[in-house]
Amino acid sequence: MTRGKRARARQGRAERALREEIAWLREEIDLETRRAAQARAAAEQVAEAREQLAQERRLTARRLAPYAAEARRRAEGAIRTREQLKAVARKVRAVDEELTGAVGDSDSISEIQQAGVPVSFPGLHSSASDRYRQVWLNKRIGTPMPQRQLSLRGWIPDDVEENPDEFAGYAYTYPVDVTPQACWAWAIPPWMRIPTDESDAPELRTQFGAIGAGAPQRTIPDFPIGVPALRRDMLMMAPWRHLPLISHPGDALDLGYWYRRSTWAQDWHRDAEPVPMWLPAEHSSSFPAARALPDEVDLRLPFPAVFAVLSTPWRIDPHPDAGTHPLLSQHPLFMHARGRLGDDLMPPTLEEVLGRLQATGLTDRGDLPSPLEFLDRYGGYVEGVLLTADEHGVPGDDIAWCVVIYHPMGMPLGRITIPASRRHATWRQQVDNLIAGIALSCWHETTTLPARLTGKPRIGAATTDPGALHVIDIDATSPHRAHPDGEENGAAVRPHLRRGHWRHQRIGHERRERRWTWVRATAVHGGSAGRGQVYILRA
């Protein structure tokens, strides 16, 4: 091989090595370029995720702000109440020490009883009758047990004859009694004034569209037992008992019983037999917030009288500055009169309630606030609405709001019905939306219902039973979603809650027919589901 050939061979090998190195460098550059692109895409995804998280946090903070404020308000109220109870406990201990040995002094016993404090003796069993207690005390100290005088002014009708037998028919009744005297005595909680006109809480009356004063009628027939049912295992043994912590459709029967008694006492549609129709939490809060249907939509209620039960009641916010009644600021007074009512305690008689109330010096019912004054000041909830219809199912104008009044300490003070005119109510749209939900939804009767007072459980569906509990059929009422969240018409939207609404959907053969179907509230792009929220009735 000549010198020239060797040089050309060396040059060829060098060029090949150089080309290989250039190719390797290009591969490295391409690899780094792809890695950089992936890193940029990951960084963009992280930035987008952070932005979505920040936006969701802002949305969540706005949604939770009212609940946080309410929780702080209740916590502050609980702290104040605890301090008040501690002060009262200290006073009671001091009084108890001063009253040591008072068992032998009838004057001391009389003073204690006049103050509303129950008296017990170590040698006498707590279940002893009043007559036995009187005989025992007379033998022990030589004087009969002193009696406390109670005023019945305002707690019985004005035209009741003044004799012990007539008075006893009211004073010794329980809330669950079905006599005309009991229905009258407990129609309005004893710690509230019976309204005599429509001047109390005028703004609230306008919002309800209330008609009439809301007082019980003087003449009340016997309450029909079993219409609606009162369960043997009921928890709501009095109209001021709180709802169970875990709601159940069967609670609608208990609510229906107490609200039916209220309308019965006010002579509002006594011949009606409301059918309870239970709405779950999502529909209770979504129906009133939906857009109103066109006027030409023909709505028909399935029964002449319907009790629309809201498993998540509509809230009526309190107005701390509302009302000028001086006693509304003394809310511990009414909690004392209400007393404690737990699962193991029977409701008191009217005499026992009046004993606690009049021990504070309030002997005239006319000095107390009315139910609507309580509701305006303390707030409450709408647990249901009684709806009426004609023989063809066309919704009528007569409705009745089923309202529970709450105490600032978080316990119910009583349940009342407010007869109203639908067309005159400020909250008419919410009621109309509720009627649309009842009329256009699919319903089914529960297969097994709780026992009645007779102890005979109702098994199976009975179309002739006016007290049959109806529950909404969610799957039949709401269609399946045709589009994934946020992908309708190819549009990309930010995370949000799409509220429930009615859709005029094509159905049937070749989709020639149409019907109104309910589209449930939907979380779009990871937005908050919003189900179970509390709907607030605003002015």
Protein backbone atom coordinates (compact mmCIF):
# COMPACT_ATOMS: atom_id res chain seq x y z
CA MET A 1 0.00 0.00 0.00
CA THR A 2 1.40 3.29 -1.04
CA ARG A 3 1.69 6.30 1.19
CA GLY A 4 -1.27 7.99 -0.49
CA LYS A 5 -3.55 5.04 0.09
CA ARG A 6 -2.65 4.92 3.78
CA ALA A 7 -3.41 8.61 4.16
CA ARG A 8 -6.76 8.23 2.46
CA ALA A 9 -7.61 5.25 4.70
CA ARG A 10 -6.71 7.21 7.83
CA GLN A 11 -8.80 10.13 6.60
CA GLY A 12 -11.77 7.82 5.89
CA ARG A 13 -11.56 6.27 9.36
CA ALA A 14 -11.42 9.73 10.96
CA GLU A 15 -14.41 10.90 8.94
CA ARG A 16 -16.44 7.84 9.91
CA ALA A 17 -15.57 8.33 13.59
CA LEU A 18 -16.53 11.99 13.31
CA ARG A 19 -19.86 11.12 11.67
CA GLU A 20 -20.58 8.55 14.38
CA GLU A 21 -19.80 11.09 17.09
CA ILE A 22 -22.02 13.70 15.40
CA ALA A 23 -24.88 11.14 15.17
CA TRP A 24 -24.42 10.25 18.82
CA LEU A 25 -24.44 13.94 19.80
CA ARG A 26 -27.62 14.48 17.76
CA GLU A 27 -29.29 11.58 19.56
CA GLU A 28 -28.25 13.05 22.89
CA ILE A 29 -29.60 16.47 21.89
CA ASP A 30 -32.92 14.94 20.74
CA LEU A 31 -33.18 12.98 23.99
CA GLU A 32 -32.52 16.08 26.07
CA THR A 33 -35.01 18.04 23.96
CA ARG A 34 -37.69 15.43 24.60
CA ARG A 35 -36.87 15.41 28.31
CA ALA A 36 -37.11 19.20 28.43
CA ALA A 37 -40.49 19.09 26.66
CA GLN A 38 -41.74 16.49 29.11
CA ALA A 39 -40.50 18.58 32.02
CA ARG A 40 -42.26 21.67 30.63
CA ALA A 41 -45.49 19.69 30.18
CA ALA A 42 -45.24 18.32 33.72
CA ALA A 43 -44.58 21.81 35.07
CA GLU A 44 -47.61 23.13 33.20
CA GLN A 45 -49.73 20.29 34.60
CA VAL A 46 -48.50 21.02 38.12
CA ALA A 47 -49.23 24.72 37.68
CA GLU A 48 -52.71 23.93 36.33
CA ALA A 49 -53.36 21.51 39.20
CA ARG A 50 -52.22 24.11 41.71
CA GLU A 51 -54.51 26.69 40.13
CA GLN A 52 -57.45 24.26 40.21
CA LEU A 53 -56.68 23.42 43.83
CA ALA A 54 -56.51 27.11 44.77
CA GLN A 55 -59.78 27.77 42.95
CA GLU A 56 -61.46 24.82 44.66
CA ARG A 57 -60.20 26.07 48.00
CA ARG A 58 -61.65 29.51 47.32
CA LEU A 59 -64.99 28.00 46.26
CA THR A 60 -65.03 25.73 49.30
CA ALA A 61 -64.17 28.63 51.61
CA ARG A 62 -67.06 30.67 50.21
CA ARG A 63 -69.47 27.76 50.57
CA LEU A 64 -68.33 26.91 54.08
CA ALA A 65 -68.23 30.51 55.32
CA PRO A 66 -71.95 30.59 56.38
CA TYR A 67 -71.61 27.23 58.14
CA ALA A 68 -68.42 28.30 59.89
CA ALA A 69 -70.09 31.52 61.02
CA GLU A 70 -73.09 29.56 62.27
CA ALA A 71 -70.80 27.12 64.10
CA ARG A 72 -68.91 30.00 65.73
CA ARG A 73 -72.18 31.63 66.75
CA ARG A 74 -73.45 28.41 68.29
CA ALA A 75 -70.13 27.76 70.00
CA GLU A 76 -70.16 31.24 71.49
CA GLY A 77 -73.75 30.70 72.60
CA ALA A 78 -72.81 27.35 74.15
CA ILE A 79 -69.93 28.97 76.03
CA ARG A 80 -72.18 31.70 77.36
CA THR A 81 -74.81 29.13 78.30
CA ARG A 82 -72.19 27.01 80.09
CA GLU A 83 -71.05 29.99 82.11
CA GLN A 84 -74.65 30.83 82.97
CA LEU A 85 -75.30 27.24 84.02
CA LYS A 86 -72.18 27.25 86.18
CA ALA A 87 -73.38 30.43 87.89
CA VAL A 88 -76.83 28.91 88.39
CA ALA A 89 -75.27 25.72 89.78
CA ARG A 90 -73.26 27.74 92.27
CA LYS A 91 -76.40 29.55 93.39
CA VAL A 92 -78.32 26.27 93.66
CA ARG A 93 -75.56 24.75 95.81
CA ALA A 94 -75.61 27.81 98.05
CA VAL A 95 -79.39 27.65 98.37
CA ASP A 96 -79.21 23.90 99.00
CA GLU A 97 -76.81 24.47 101.88
CA GLU A 98 -79.09 27.13 103.35
CA LEU A 99 -82.11 24.84 103.05
CA THR A 100 -80.53 21.97 104.96
CA GLY A 101 -82.95 20.84 107.63
CA ALA A 102 -85.97 22.47 105.99
CA VAL A 103 -87.87 19.16 106.01
CA GLY A 104 -89.32 19.99 109.41
CA ASP A 105 -90.49 23.46 108.46
CA SER A 106 -93.65 23.70 106.40
CA ASP A 107 -93.08 27.41 105.71
CA SER A 108 -89.69 26.62 104.16
CA ILE A 109 -91.23 23.87 102.04
CA SER A 110 -93.90 26.29 100.87
CA GLU A 111 -91.28 28.85 99.84
CA ILE A 112 -89.28 26.20 97.95
CA GLN A 113 -92.34 25.01 96.06
CA GLN A 114 -93.40 28.54 95.22
CA ALA A 115 -89.96 28.97 93.59
CA GLY A 116 -90.63 26.02 91.29
CA VAL A 117 -88.06 23.67 92.86
CA PRO A 118 -89.29 20.06 93.26
CA VAL A 119 -89.22 18.84 96.84
CA SER A 120 -88.14 15.29 97.77
CA PHE A 121 -87.68 13.62 101.15
CA PRO A 122 -85.19 10.86 102.03
CA GLY A 123 -87.86 8.71 103.67
CA LEU A 124 -90.35 8.99 100.82
CA HIS A 125 -90.06 7.26 97.46
CA SER A 126 -90.17 9.53 94.43
CA SER A 127 -93.00 7.50 92.83
CA ALA A 128 -95.39 8.09 95.75
CA SER A 129 -98.70 9.73 94.83
CA ASP A 130 -99.52 13.28 95.86
CA ARG A 131 -102.15 12.09 98.32
CA TYR A 132 -99.70 9.70 100.00
CA ARG A 133 -97.09 12.48 100.18
CA GLN A 134 -99.59 14.77 101.89
CA VAL A 135 -100.53 12.12 104.46
CA TRP A 136 -96.86 11.27 105.08
CA LEU A 137 -95.87 14.92 105.59
CA ASN A 138 -98.88 15.56 107.83
CA LYS A 139 -97.86 12.66 110.09
CA ARG A 140 -94.22 13.73 110.05
CA ILE A 141 -94.47 17.43 110.92
CA GLY A 142 -98.12 17.78 111.92
CA THR A 143 -99.15 20.07 109.05
CA PRO A 144 -100.39 19.24 105.55
CA MET A 145 -98.15 19.74 102.54
CA PRO A 146 -98.57 23.29 101.21
CA GLN A 147 -100.12 23.68 97.77
CA ARG A 148 -99.01 26.07 95.07
CA GLN A 149 -101.61 28.06 93.16
CA LEU A 150 -101.32 28.14 89.37
CA SER A 151 -102.97 30.69 87.11
CA LEU A 152 -104.75 29.25 84.08
CA ARG A 153 -105.52 32.62 82.51
CA GLY A 154 -104.79 32.27 78.80
CA TRP A 155 -103.99 28.55 79.02
CA ILE A 156 -107.65 27.49 78.88
CA PRO A 157 -110.49 29.02 76.84
CA ASP A 158 -112.04 32.10 78.39
CA ASP A 159 -115.56 30.63 78.44
CA VAL A 160 -114.67 27.48 80.42
CA GLU A 161 -116.79 27.18 83.53
CA GLU A 162 -114.90 27.83 86.74
CA ASN A 163 -115.02 24.45 88.39
CA PRO A 164 -112.26 21.93 89.18
CA ASP A 165 -113.55 19.29 86.78
CA GLU A 166 -113.45 21.62 83.80
CA PHE A 167 -110.02 22.94 84.75
CA ALA A 168 -108.62 19.43 85.21
CA GLY A 169 -109.60 18.56 81.62
CA TYR A 170 -106.94 21.02 80.48
CA ALA A 171 -104.39 21.19 83.31
CA TYR A 172 -103.69 17.43 83.51
CA THR A 173 -103.47 16.69 79.79
CA TYR A 174 -100.39 15.36 77.98
CA PRO A 175 -99.31 16.43 74.48
CA VAL A 176 -100.18 12.96 73.13
CA ASP A 177 -103.77 13.03 74.45
CA VAL A 178 -106.41 13.23 71.70
CA THR A 179 -109.23 14.87 73.65
CA PRO A 180 -110.54 18.26 72.43
CA GLN A 181 -109.14 19.84 75.62
CA ALA A 182 -105.66 18.44 74.93
CA CYS A 183 -105.75 19.53 71.28
CA TRP A 184 -106.63 23.07 72.37
CA ALA A 185 -104.16 23.22 75.27
CA TRP A 186 -101.15 22.02 73.24
CA ALA A 187 -101.97 23.62 69.85
CA ILE A 188 -99.59 26.45 70.83
CA PRO A 189 -96.68 25.61 73.19
CA PRO A 190 -97.58 26.83 76.71
CA TRP A 191 -94.53 29.13 76.83
CA MET A 192 -95.89 31.10 73.85
CA ARG A 193 -98.78 33.53 73.62
CA ILE A 194 -101.85 32.59 71.59
CA PRO A 195 -102.08 35.25 68.85
CA THR A 196 -105.33 37.16 68.80
CA ASP A 197 -104.70 39.18 65.62
CA GLU A 198 -102.31 39.43 62.68
CA SER A 199 -100.12 42.23 64.02
CA ASP A 200 -97.21 40.06 65.23
CA ALA A 201 -94.18 39.75 62.90
CA PRO A 202 -95.90 41.44 59.92
CA GLU A 203 -92.94 41.05 57.55
CA LEU A 204 -92.68 37.34 58.27
CA ARG A 205 -96.43 36.93 57.79
CA THR A 206 -96.12 38.57 54.36
CA GLN A 207 -93.32 36.22 53.34
CA PHE A 208 -95.40 33.20 54.35
CA GLY A 209 -98.61 34.66 52.90
CA ALA A 210 -100.23 33.80 56.24
CA ILE A 211 -103.99 33.96 56.61
CA GLY A 212 -105.62 34.18 60.02
CA ALA A 213 -104.08 34.71 63.42
CA GLY A 214 -103.06 31.09 63.93
CA ALA A 215 -105.03 30.57 67.17
CA PRO A 216 -106.83 27.30 67.97
CA GLN A 217 -110.59 27.31 67.56
CA ARG A 218 -112.73 27.17 70.66
CA THR A 219 -114.76 24.18 69.46
CA ILE A 220 -112.54 21.23 68.57
CA PRO A 221 -113.94 17.75 67.82
CA ASP A 222 -112.21 14.57 68.92
CA PHE A 223 -108.96 14.08 67.05
CA PRO A 224 -109.14 11.05 64.70
CA ILE A 225 -106.73 8.43 66.00
CA GLY A 226 -104.58 6.80 63.34
CA VAL A 227 -104.95 9.56 60.70
CA PRO A 228 -102.08 10.10 60.32
CA ALA A 229 -100.29 7.29 62.12
CA LEU A 230 -98.42 7.68 65.39
CA ARG A 231 -95.85 4.93 65.67
CA ARG A 232 -95.49 2.78 68.74
CA ASP A 233 -91.72 3.30 68.68
CA MET A 234 -91.97 7.02 67.98
CA LEU A 235 -89.16 9.29 69.15
CA MET A 236 -91.05 12.57 68.76
CA MET A 237 -93.29 12.13 71.79
CA ALA A 238 -93.93 15.88 71.96
CA PRO A 239 -94.06 18.61 69.30
CA TRP A 240 -90.87 20.21 70.64
CA ARG A 241 -88.77 17.03 70.45
CA HIS A 242 -85.79 17.27 68.06
CA LEU A 243 -85.58 15.03 65.02
CA PRO A 244 -83.45 11.86 65.18
CA LEU A 245 -79.81 12.43 64.28
CA ILE A 246 -80.13 9.92 61.41
CA SER A 247 -83.22 10.80 59.37
CA HIS A 248 -85.52 8.09 58.04
CA PRO A 249 -88.61 8.27 55.84
CA GLY A 250 -90.65 6.89 58.75
CA ASP A 251 -90.04 10.17 60.61
CA ALA A 252 -92.49 11.72 58.15
CA LEU A 253 -95.30 9.91 59.95
CA ASP A 254 -94.36 11.46 63.30
CA LEU A 255 -94.07 14.92 61.77
CA GLY A 256 -97.36 14.44 59.96
CA TYR A 257 -99.08 13.56 63.22
CA TRP A 258 -98.05 16.73 65.06
CA TYR A 259 -98.62 19.06 62.13
CA ARG A 260 -102.01 17.48 61.45
CA ARG A 261 -102.97 18.18 65.07
CA SER A 262 -101.99 21.82 64.59
CA THR A 263 -104.18 22.22 61.49
CA TRP A 264 -106.95 20.29 63.23
CA ALA A 265 -106.96 22.77 66.11
CA GLN A 266 -107.09 25.71 63.67
CA ASP A 267 -109.96 24.15 61.67
CA TRP A 268 -107.87 24.11 58.47
CA HIS A 269 -109.12 21.44 56.04
CA ARG A 270 -110.17 19.03 58.78
CA ASP A 271 -111.74 16.69 56.24
CA ALA A 272 -108.44 16.30 54.35
CA GLU A 273 -106.20 13.28 54.83
CA PRO A 274 -102.69 14.42 53.80
CA VAL A 275 -100.53 11.74 52.19
CA PRO A 276 -96.89 12.03 53.31
CA MET A 277 -94.43 12.23 50.42
CA TRP A 278 -90.80 12.15 51.55
CA LEU A 279 -88.09 14.05 49.68
CA PRO A 280 -84.45 13.04 50.29
CA ALA A 281 -81.80 15.63 51.14
CA GLU A 282 -80.67 16.34 47.58
CA HIS A 283 -84.19 17.00 46.26
CA SER A 284 -85.20 18.97 49.36
CA SER A 285 -82.52 21.56 48.61
CA SER A 286 -82.50 21.33 44.78
CA PHE A 287 -86.20 21.62 44.00
CA PRO A 288 -86.70 25.12 45.51
CA ALA A 289 -83.54 26.44 43.80
CA ALA A 290 -84.54 25.29 40.31
CA ARG A 291 -85.72 27.61 37.56
CA ALA A 292 -89.49 27.98 37.41
CA LEU A 293 -91.30 25.95 34.76
CA PRO A 294 -93.31 27.70 32.03
CA ASP A 295 -96.84 28.63 32.98
CA GLU A 296 -98.33 26.33 30.33
CA VAL A 297 -96.98 23.19 32.03
CA ASP A 298 -99.96 21.23 33.37
CA LEU A 299 -99.14 20.18 36.95
CA ARG A 300 -101.39 17.75 38.82
CA LEU A 301 -100.92 16.58 42.38
CA PRO A 302 -101.46 12.83 42.92
CA PHE A 303 -103.74 13.30 45.96
CA PRO A 304 -106.22 15.96 47.16
CA ALA A 305 -103.94 16.68 50.15
CA VAL A 306 -100.18 16.13 50.18
CA PHE A 307 -97.71 16.51 53.03
CA ALA A 308 -94.40 17.26 51.30
CA VAL A 309 -91.77 16.27 53.87
CA LEU A 310 -88.28 17.77 53.55
CA SER A 311 -85.60 15.49 54.94
CA THR A 312 -83.29 18.55 54.83
CA PRO A 313 -85.55 21.38 56.04
CA TRP A 314 -85.42 24.89 54.59
CA ARG A 315 -83.77 27.29 57.01
CA ILE A 316 -85.27 30.57 58.18
CA ASP A 317 -82.44 32.73 59.46
CA PRO A 318 -82.85 34.43 62.86
CA HIS A 319 -83.04 38.20 63.14
CA PRO A 320 -81.48 39.15 66.49
CA ASP A 321 -82.74 42.73 66.16
CA ALA A 322 -86.29 41.76 65.16
CA GLY A 323 -89.17 42.27 67.54
CA THR A 324 -89.55 44.61 70.46
CA HIS A 325 -90.94 42.14 72.97
CA PRO A 326 -88.83 42.48 76.14
CA LEU A 327 -88.90 38.76 76.99
CA LEU A 328 -87.30 37.66 73.71
CA SER A 329 -83.89 38.63 75.08
CA GLN A 330 -84.44 36.34 78.10
CA HIS A 331 -84.12 33.11 76.14
CA PRO A 332 -82.95 30.91 79.11
CA LEU A 333 -86.41 31.52 80.60
CA PHE A 334 -88.11 29.60 77.78
CA MET A 335 -85.58 26.78 77.86
CA HIS A 336 -86.38 26.38 81.57
CA ALA A 337 -90.12 26.27 80.82
CA ARG A 338 -89.58 23.79 77.97
CA GLY A 339 -87.63 21.43 80.20
CA ARG A 340 -85.65 18.40 79.17
CA LEU A 341 -87.20 15.81 76.91
CA GLY A 342 -85.03 12.82 76.08
CA ASP A 343 -85.62 9.32 74.82
CA ASP A 344 -86.29 8.05 78.34
CA LEU A 345 -88.54 10.88 79.54
CA MET A 346 -92.28 11.12 79.02
CA PRO A 347 -93.72 14.49 78.06
CA PRO A 348 -95.00 16.60 80.97
CA THR A 349 -98.54 17.60 81.78
CA LEU A 350 -99.68 21.18 81.27
CA GLU A 351 -99.64 21.61 85.04
CA GLU A 352 -95.93 20.72 85.22
CA VAL A 353 -95.01 23.16 82.46
CA LEU A 354 -97.00 25.95 84.06
CA GLY A 355 -95.30 25.20 87.38
CA ARG A 356 -91.88 25.83 85.84
CA LEU A 357 -93.02 28.85 83.88
CA GLN A 358 -94.97 30.59 86.62
CA ALA A 359 -92.19 30.04 89.13
CA THR A 360 -90.44 32.86 87.24
CA GLY A 361 -93.34 35.24 87.96
CA LEU A 362 -95.10 34.96 84.58
CA THR A 363 -98.72 34.21 85.47
CA ASP A 364 -100.43 35.83 82.47
CA ARG A 365 -100.04 34.21 79.06
CA GLY A 366 -100.70 37.52 77.35
CA ASP A 367 -97.27 38.72 78.51
CA LEU A 368 -95.45 36.08 76.41
CA PRO A 369 -94.28 36.43 72.77
CA SER A 370 -96.30 34.78 70.01
CA PRO A 371 -94.94 31.87 67.90
CA LEU A 372 -94.16 34.09 64.92
CA GLU A 373 -92.34 36.57 67.16
CA PHE A 374 -90.21 33.67 68.41
CA LEU A 375 -89.59 32.51 64.84
CA ASP A 376 -88.64 35.98 63.63
CA ARG A 377 -86.19 36.50 66.48
CA TYR A 378 -84.72 33.01 66.97
CA GLY A 379 -85.12 31.48 63.48
CA GLY A 380 -86.23 27.98 62.60
CA TYR A 381 -86.84 25.55 59.75
CA VAL A 382 -89.61 24.62 57.33
CA GLU A 383 -89.89 20.84 57.73
CA GLY A 384 -92.63 20.44 55.16
CA VAL A 385 -95.54 22.04 53.34
CA LEU A 386 -99.16 20.87 53.29
CA LEU A 387 -100.53 21.19 49.75
CA THR A 388 -104.13 20.98 48.56
CA ALA A 389 -105.70 20.17 45.19
CA ASP A 390 -109.15 19.89 43.66
CA GLU A 391 -110.79 16.68 42.48
CA HIS A 392 -108.78 16.81 39.23
CA GLY A 393 -105.43 17.27 41.01
CA VAL A 394 -105.03 20.94 40.09
CA PRO A 395 -103.01 22.56 42.92
CA GLY A 396 -105.07 24.85 45.12
CA ASP A 397 -104.22 28.18 46.69
CA ASP A 398 -104.50 26.91 50.28
CA ILE A 399 -101.22 25.71 51.75
CA ALA A 400 -99.88 25.36 55.28
CA TRP A 401 -96.26 25.85 56.25
CA CYS A 402 -94.99 23.26 58.73
CA VAL A 403 -92.46 25.15 60.82
CA VAL A 404 -90.25 24.21 63.77
CA ILE A 405 -89.10 27.12 65.96
CA TYR A 406 -85.59 26.81 67.37
CA HIS A 407 -84.06 28.14 70.57
CA PRO A 408 -80.64 29.87 70.46
CA MET A 409 -79.26 26.88 72.39
CA GLY A 410 -80.05 24.65 69.40
CA MET A 411 -83.19 22.85 70.63
CA PRO A 412 -86.73 23.10 69.21
CA LEU A 413 -89.22 25.24 71.10
CA GLY A 414 -92.28 24.00 69.25
CA ARG A 415 -93.88 23.02 65.94
CA ILE A 416 -96.76 24.94 64.40
CA THR A 417 -98.53 25.15 61.07
CA ILE A 418 -99.06 28.48 59.35
CA PRO A 419 -102.09 28.38 57.01
CA ALA A 420 -101.32 30.58 54.04
CA SER A 421 -102.32 31.67 50.55
CA ARG A 422 -99.91 30.47 47.88
CA ARG A 423 -100.50 33.35 45.49
CA HIS A 424 -99.90 35.95 48.21
CA ALA A 425 -96.71 34.39 49.62
CA THR A 426 -93.34 36.01 48.93
CA TRP A 427 -91.88 32.50 48.79
CA ARG A 428 -94.42 31.36 46.20
CA GLN A 429 -91.77 30.27 43.66
CA GLN A 430 -90.26 27.84 46.16
CA VAL A 431 -93.71 26.34 46.80
CA ASP A 432 -94.46 26.17 43.07
CA ASN A 433 -91.14 24.40 42.49
CA LEU A 434 -92.03 21.97 45.26
CA ILE A 435 -95.41 21.30 43.61
CA ALA A 436 -93.63 20.67 40.30
CA GLY A 437 -91.30 18.23 42.04
CA ILE A 438 -94.26 16.36 43.55
CA ALA A 439 -96.28 16.36 40.32
CA LEU A 440 -93.53 15.41 37.83
CA SER A 441 -91.52 12.93 39.90
CA CYS A 442 -92.01 9.19 40.15
CA TRP A 443 -93.00 7.79 43.55
CA HIS A 444 -93.35 4.44 45.24
CA GLU A 445 -94.85 3.34 48.53
CA THR A 446 -92.54 1.81 51.10
CA THR A 447 -92.89 -1.96 51.36
CA THR A 448 -92.62 -2.04 55.14
CA LEU A 449 -93.82 0.81 57.32
CA PRO A 450 -93.52 1.27 61.10
CA ALA A 451 -96.29 0.04 63.37
CA ARG A 452 -99.28 2.20 64.25
CA LEU A 453 -100.72 2.80 67.69
CA THR A 454 -102.71 -0.41 67.27
CA GLY A 455 -99.46 -2.39 67.08
CA LYS A 456 -100.32 -3.78 63.64
CA PRO A 457 -97.48 -3.14 61.16
CA ARG A 458 -98.45 -2.33 57.61
CA ILE A 459 -96.79 -4.71 55.15
CA GLY A 460 -97.02 -4.12 51.41
CA ALA A 461 -98.49 -1.28 49.40
CA ALA A 462 -102.11 -0.35 50.00
CA THR A 463 -103.50 2.26 47.60
CA THR A 464 -106.55 2.82 49.77
CA ASP A 465 -104.51 3.65 52.85
CA PRO A 466 -104.48 7.46 53.26
CA GLY A 467 -101.46 7.30 55.53
CA ALA A 468 -99.26 5.33 53.10
CA LEU A 469 -95.79 6.84 53.03
CA HIS A 470 -94.50 7.66 49.54
CA VAL A 471 -90.80 8.02 48.72
CA ILE A 472 -89.40 9.52 45.52
CA ASP A 473 -88.04 7.05 42.95
CA ILE A 474 -84.75 8.74 42.08
CA ASP A 475 -83.77 6.46 39.17
CA ALA A 476 -87.14 6.79 37.46
CA THR A 477 -87.35 10.54 38.06
CA SER A 478 -83.85 11.48 36.84
CA PRO A 479 -82.37 10.30 33.51
CA HIS A 480 -78.81 9.13 33.14
CA ARG A 481 -76.38 11.79 32.03
CA ALA A 482 -75.82 11.80 28.28
CA HIS A 483 -72.52 13.71 28.45
CA PRO A 484 -69.51 13.50 30.75
CA ASP A 485 -68.97 16.41 33.10
CA GLY A 486 -67.97 19.57 31.29
CA GLU A 487 -67.81 17.97 27.79
CA GLU A 488 -71.21 19.07 26.46
CA ASN A 489 -70.88 20.63 22.99
CA GLY A 490 -67.12 20.31 23.31
CA ALA A 491 -66.92 23.22 25.75
CA ALA A 492 -64.34 23.22 28.53
CA VAL A 493 -65.54 24.97 31.70
CA ARG A 494 -64.08 25.59 35.11
CA PRO A 495 -65.05 23.40 38.11
CA HIS A 496 -68.49 24.30 39.41
CA LEU A 497 -71.79 22.87 40.64
CA ARG A 498 -74.47 22.58 37.98
CA ARG A 499 -77.71 22.91 39.90
CA GLY A 500 -80.62 20.56 39.41
CA HIS A 501 -83.13 21.50 36.75
CA TRP A 502 -86.07 20.21 34.73
CA ARG A 503 -85.48 19.05 31.13
CA HIS A 504 -88.17 18.59 28.50
CA GLN A 505 -86.80 15.28 27.22
CA ARG A 506 -87.86 13.23 24.19
CA ILE A 507 -89.03 9.70 25.01
CA GLY A 508 -90.97 6.82 23.47
CA HIS A 509 -90.97 5.26 19.99
CA GLU A 510 -88.67 7.21 17.67
CA ARG A 511 -88.56 9.82 20.45
CA ARG A 512 -91.77 11.44 19.29
CA GLU A 513 -93.09 12.21 22.76
CA ARG A 514 -91.76 14.51 25.44
CA ARG A 515 -91.86 14.53 29.21
CA TRP A 516 -90.34 16.64 31.99
CA THR A 517 -87.49 14.85 33.73
CA TRP A 518 -85.38 16.03 36.64
CA VAL A 519 -81.65 16.38 36.04
CA ARG A 520 -79.85 16.02 39.35
CA ALA A 521 -77.22 18.44 40.59
CA THR A 522 -73.88 17.60 38.99
CA ALA A 523 -70.27 18.32 39.99
CA VAL A 524 -68.51 19.54 36.83
CA HIS A 525 -64.72 19.07 36.49
CA GLY A 526 -64.29 18.12 40.13
CA GLY A 527 -66.46 20.87 41.57
CA SER A 528 -68.17 20.39 44.93
CA ALA A 529 -71.13 17.98 44.69
CA GLY A 530 -73.31 20.26 46.77
CA ARG A 531 -75.76 17.52 47.77
CA GLY A 532 -77.14 17.72 51.25
CA GLN A 533 -76.81 21.49 51.45
CA VAL A 534 -79.39 23.44 53.43
CA TYR A 535 -81.68 25.69 51.41
CA ILE A 536 -82.19 29.09 53.03
CA LEU A 537 -85.46 31.00 52.63
CA ARG A 538 -84.36 34.58 52.14
CA ALA A 539 -86.46 37.72 52.35
